[in-house]
C-alpha atoms as a PDB file:
ATOM      1  CA  UNK A   1       0.000   0.000   0.000  1.00  0.00           C
ATOM      2  CA  UNK A   2       1.206   3.462  -0.868  1.00  0.00           C
ATOM      3  CA  UNK A   3       2.164   5.717   2.063  1.00  0.00           C
ATOM      4  CA  UNK A   4      -0.105   8.724   2.541  1.00  0.00           C
ATOM      5  CA  UNK A   5       2.788  10.977   3.506  1.00  0.00           C
ATOM      6  CA  UNK A   6       6.446  10.503   2.812  1.00  0.00           C
ATOM      7  CA  UNK A   7       9.286  12.090   4.756  1.00  0.00           C
ATOM      8  CA  UNK A   8      10.061  14.609   1.998  1.00  0.00           C
ATOM      9  CA  UNK A   9       6.450  15.795   1.890  1.00  0.00           C
ATOM     10  CA  UNK A  10       6.340  16.262   5.665  1.00  0.00           C
ATOM     11  CA  UNK A  11       9.650  18.159   5.658  1.00  0.00           C
ATOM     12  CA  UNK A  12       8.371  20.519   2.960  1.00  0.00           C
ATOM     13  CA  UNK A  13       4.990  21.104   4.640  1.00  0.00           C
ATOM     14  CA  UNK A  14       5.442  21.200   8.388  1.00  0.00           C
ATOM     15  CA  UNK A  15       2.378  19.812  10.155  1.00  0.00           C
ATOM     16  CA  UNK A  16       0.476  22.444  12.170  1.00  0.00           C
ATOM     17  CA  UNK A  17       2.206  25.358  10.407  1.00  0.00           C
ATOM     18  CA  UNK A  18      -1.154  26.951   9.578  1.00  0.00           C
ATOM     19  CA  UNK A  19      -2.799  25.940  12.853  1.00  0.00           C
ATOM     20  CA  UNK A  20      -0.023  27.704  14.785  1.00  0.00           C
ATOM     21  CA  UNK A  21      -1.202  30.978  13.218  1.00  0.00           C
ATOM     22  CA  UNK A  22      -4.762  30.505  14.521  1.00  0.00           C
ATOM     23  CA  UNK A  23      -4.622  28.511  17.748  1.00  0.00           C
ATOM     24  CA  UNK A  24      -3.076  29.317  21.115  1.00  0.00           C
ATOM     25  CA  UNK A  25       0.426  27.889  21.696  1.00  0.00           C
ATOM     26  CA  UNK A  26      -0.845  25.699  24.543  1.00  0.00           C
ATOM     27  CA  UNK A  27      -3.471  24.191  22.228  1.00  0.00           C
ATOM     28  CA  UNK A  28      -0.785  23.344  19.689  1.00  0.00           C
ATOM     29  CA  UNK A  29       1.291  21.664  22.418  1.00  0.00           C
ATOM     30  CA  UNK A  30      -1.772  19.684  23.523  1.00  0.00           C
ATOM     31  CA  UNK A  31      -2.437  18.483  19.953  1.00  0.00           C
ATOM     32  CA  UNK A  32       1.223  17.575  19.382  1.00  0.00           C
ATOM     33  CA  UNK A  33       1.220  15.481  22.572  1.00  0.00           C
ATOM     34  CA  UNK A  34      -2.043  13.693  21.772  1.00  0.00           C
ATOM     35  CA  UNK A  35      -1.102  10.147  20.790  1.00  0.00           C
ATOM     36  CA  UNK A  36      -4.421   9.723  18.955  1.00  0.00           C
ATOM     37  CA  UNK A  37      -3.582  12.385  16.375  1.00  0.00           C
ATOM     38  CA  UNK A  38      -1.416  11.312  13.451  1.00  0.00           C
ATOM     39  CA  UNK A  39       0.315  13.410  10.805  1.00  0.00           C
ATOM     40  CA  UNK A  40      -2.896  13.186   8.810  1.00  0.00           C
ATOM     41  CA  UNK A  41      -4.791  14.743  11.724  1.00  0.00           C
ATOM     42  CA  UNK A  42      -2.275  17.584  11.832  1.00  0.00           C
ATOM     43  CA  UNK A  43      -2.905  18.282   8.152  1.00  0.00           C
ATOM     44  CA  UNK A  44      -6.664  18.210   8.817  1.00  0.00           C
ATOM     45  CA  UNK A  45      -6.119  20.845  11.507  1.00  0.00           C
ATOM     46  CA  UNK A  46      -4.030  22.931   9.105  1.00  0.00           C
ATOM     47  CA  UNK A  47      -6.804  22.696   6.528  1.00  0.00           C
ATOM     48  CA  UNK A  48      -9.329  23.892   9.096  1.00  0.00           C
ATOM     49  CA  UNK A  49      -7.014  26.761  10.055  1.00  0.00           C
ATOM     50  CA  UNK A  50      -6.661  27.774   6.414  1.00  0.00           C
ATOM     51  CA  UNK A  51     -10.271  27.543   5.287  1.00  0.00           C
ATOM     52  CA  UNK A  52     -12.269  27.876   8.518  1.00  0.00           C
ATOM     53  CA  UNK A  53     -10.180  29.871  11.010  1.00  0.00           C
ATOM     54  CA  UNK A  54     -13.155  31.458  12.778  1.00  0.00           C
ATOM     55  CA  UNK A  55     -14.875  28.101  13.277  1.00  0.00           C
ATOM     56  CA  UNK A  56     -11.607  26.573  14.484  1.00  0.00           C
ATOM     57  CA  UNK A  57     -11.150  29.325  17.089  1.00  0.00           C
ATOM     58  CA  UNK A  58     -14.727  28.752  18.263  1.00  0.00           C
ATOM     59  CA  UNK A  59     -14.013  25.034  18.583  1.00  0.00           C
ATOM     60  CA  UNK A  60     -10.860  25.811  20.567  1.00  0.00           C
ATOM     61  CA  UNK A  61     -12.873  28.022  22.913  1.00  0.00           C
ATOM     62  CA  UNK A  62     -15.106  25.031  23.731  1.00  0.00           C
ATOM     63  CA  UNK A  63     -12.079  23.255  25.201  1.00  0.00           C
ATOM     64  CA  UNK A  64      -9.145  21.064  24.237  1.00  0.00           C
ATOM     65  CA  UNK A  65     -11.037  17.799  24.633  1.00  0.00           C
ATOM     66  CA  UNK A  66     -13.843  18.913  22.331  1.00  0.00           C
ATOM     67  CA  UNK A  67     -11.356  20.102  19.716  1.00  0.00           C
ATOM     68  CA  UNK A  68      -9.386  16.866  20.025  1.00  0.00           C
ATOM     69  CA  UNK A  69     -12.550  14.791  19.691  1.00  0.00           C
ATOM     70  CA  UNK A  70     -13.687  16.602  16.520  1.00  0.00           C
ATOM     71  CA  UNK A  71     -10.201  16.375  15.053  1.00  0.00           C
ATOM     72  CA  UNK A  72      -9.878  12.673  15.856  1.00  0.00           C
ATOM     73  CA  UNK A  73     -13.279  11.889  14.313  1.00  0.00           C
ATOM     74  CA  UNK A  74     -12.388  13.755  11.107  1.00  0.00           C
ATOM     75  CA  UNK A  75      -8.963  12.128  10.955  1.00  0.00           C
ATOM     76  CA  UNK A  76     -10.471   8.660  11.283  1.00  0.00           C
ATOM     77  CA  UNK A  77     -13.211   9.325   8.724  1.00  0.00           C
ATOM     78  CA  UNK A  78     -10.651  10.461   6.155  1.00  0.00           C
ATOM     79  CA  UNK A  79      -8.237   7.626   6.888  1.00  0.00           C
ATOM     80  CA  UNK A  80     -11.060   5.086   6.584  1.00  0.00           C
ATOM     81  CA  UNK A  81     -11.816   6.424   3.111  1.00  0.00           C
ATOM     82  CA  UNK A  82      -8.174   6.637   2.046  1.00  0.00           C
ATOM     83  CA  UNK A  83      -7.410   3.128   3.312  1.00  0.00           C
ATOM     84  CA  UNK A  84     -10.447   1.625   1.613  1.00  0.00           C
ATOM     85  CA  UNK A  85      -9.232  -0.644  -1.232  1.00  0.00           C
ATOM     86  CA  UNK A  86     -12.157   0.485  -3.370  1.00  0.00           C
ATOM     87  CA  UNK A  87     -10.949   4.081  -3.080  1.00  0.00           C
ATOM     88  CA  UNK A  88      -7.300   3.479  -3.954  1.00  0.00           C
ATOM     89  CA  UNK A  89      -6.460   4.052  -7.623  1.00  0.00           C
ATOM     90  CA  UNK A  90      -5.444   1.019  -9.666  1.00  0.00           C
ATOM     91  CA  UNK A  91      -1.684   0.823  -9.959  1.00  0.00           C
ATOM     92  CA  UNK A  92      -1.579  -1.719 -12.743  1.00  0.00           C
END
């Protein structure tokens, strides 16, 4: 199976780079320490920070656990789709 993110891609696009511009530093630390959040989850958070910064700040104001829960659910939903063999392009 093809890797979703390779080392070069991660080095070029630092996870949470956009989120750091929107969220409080302590929230970023909390997300980085959360074992449940993968690199994919960090890119989800960056996407939210880029396209929905106001909504992301409102989610942050509800508390770290609520933000983490929403982020984890979105991460898992996307990974389920991406890891589905019916979704993967044919590499024949």
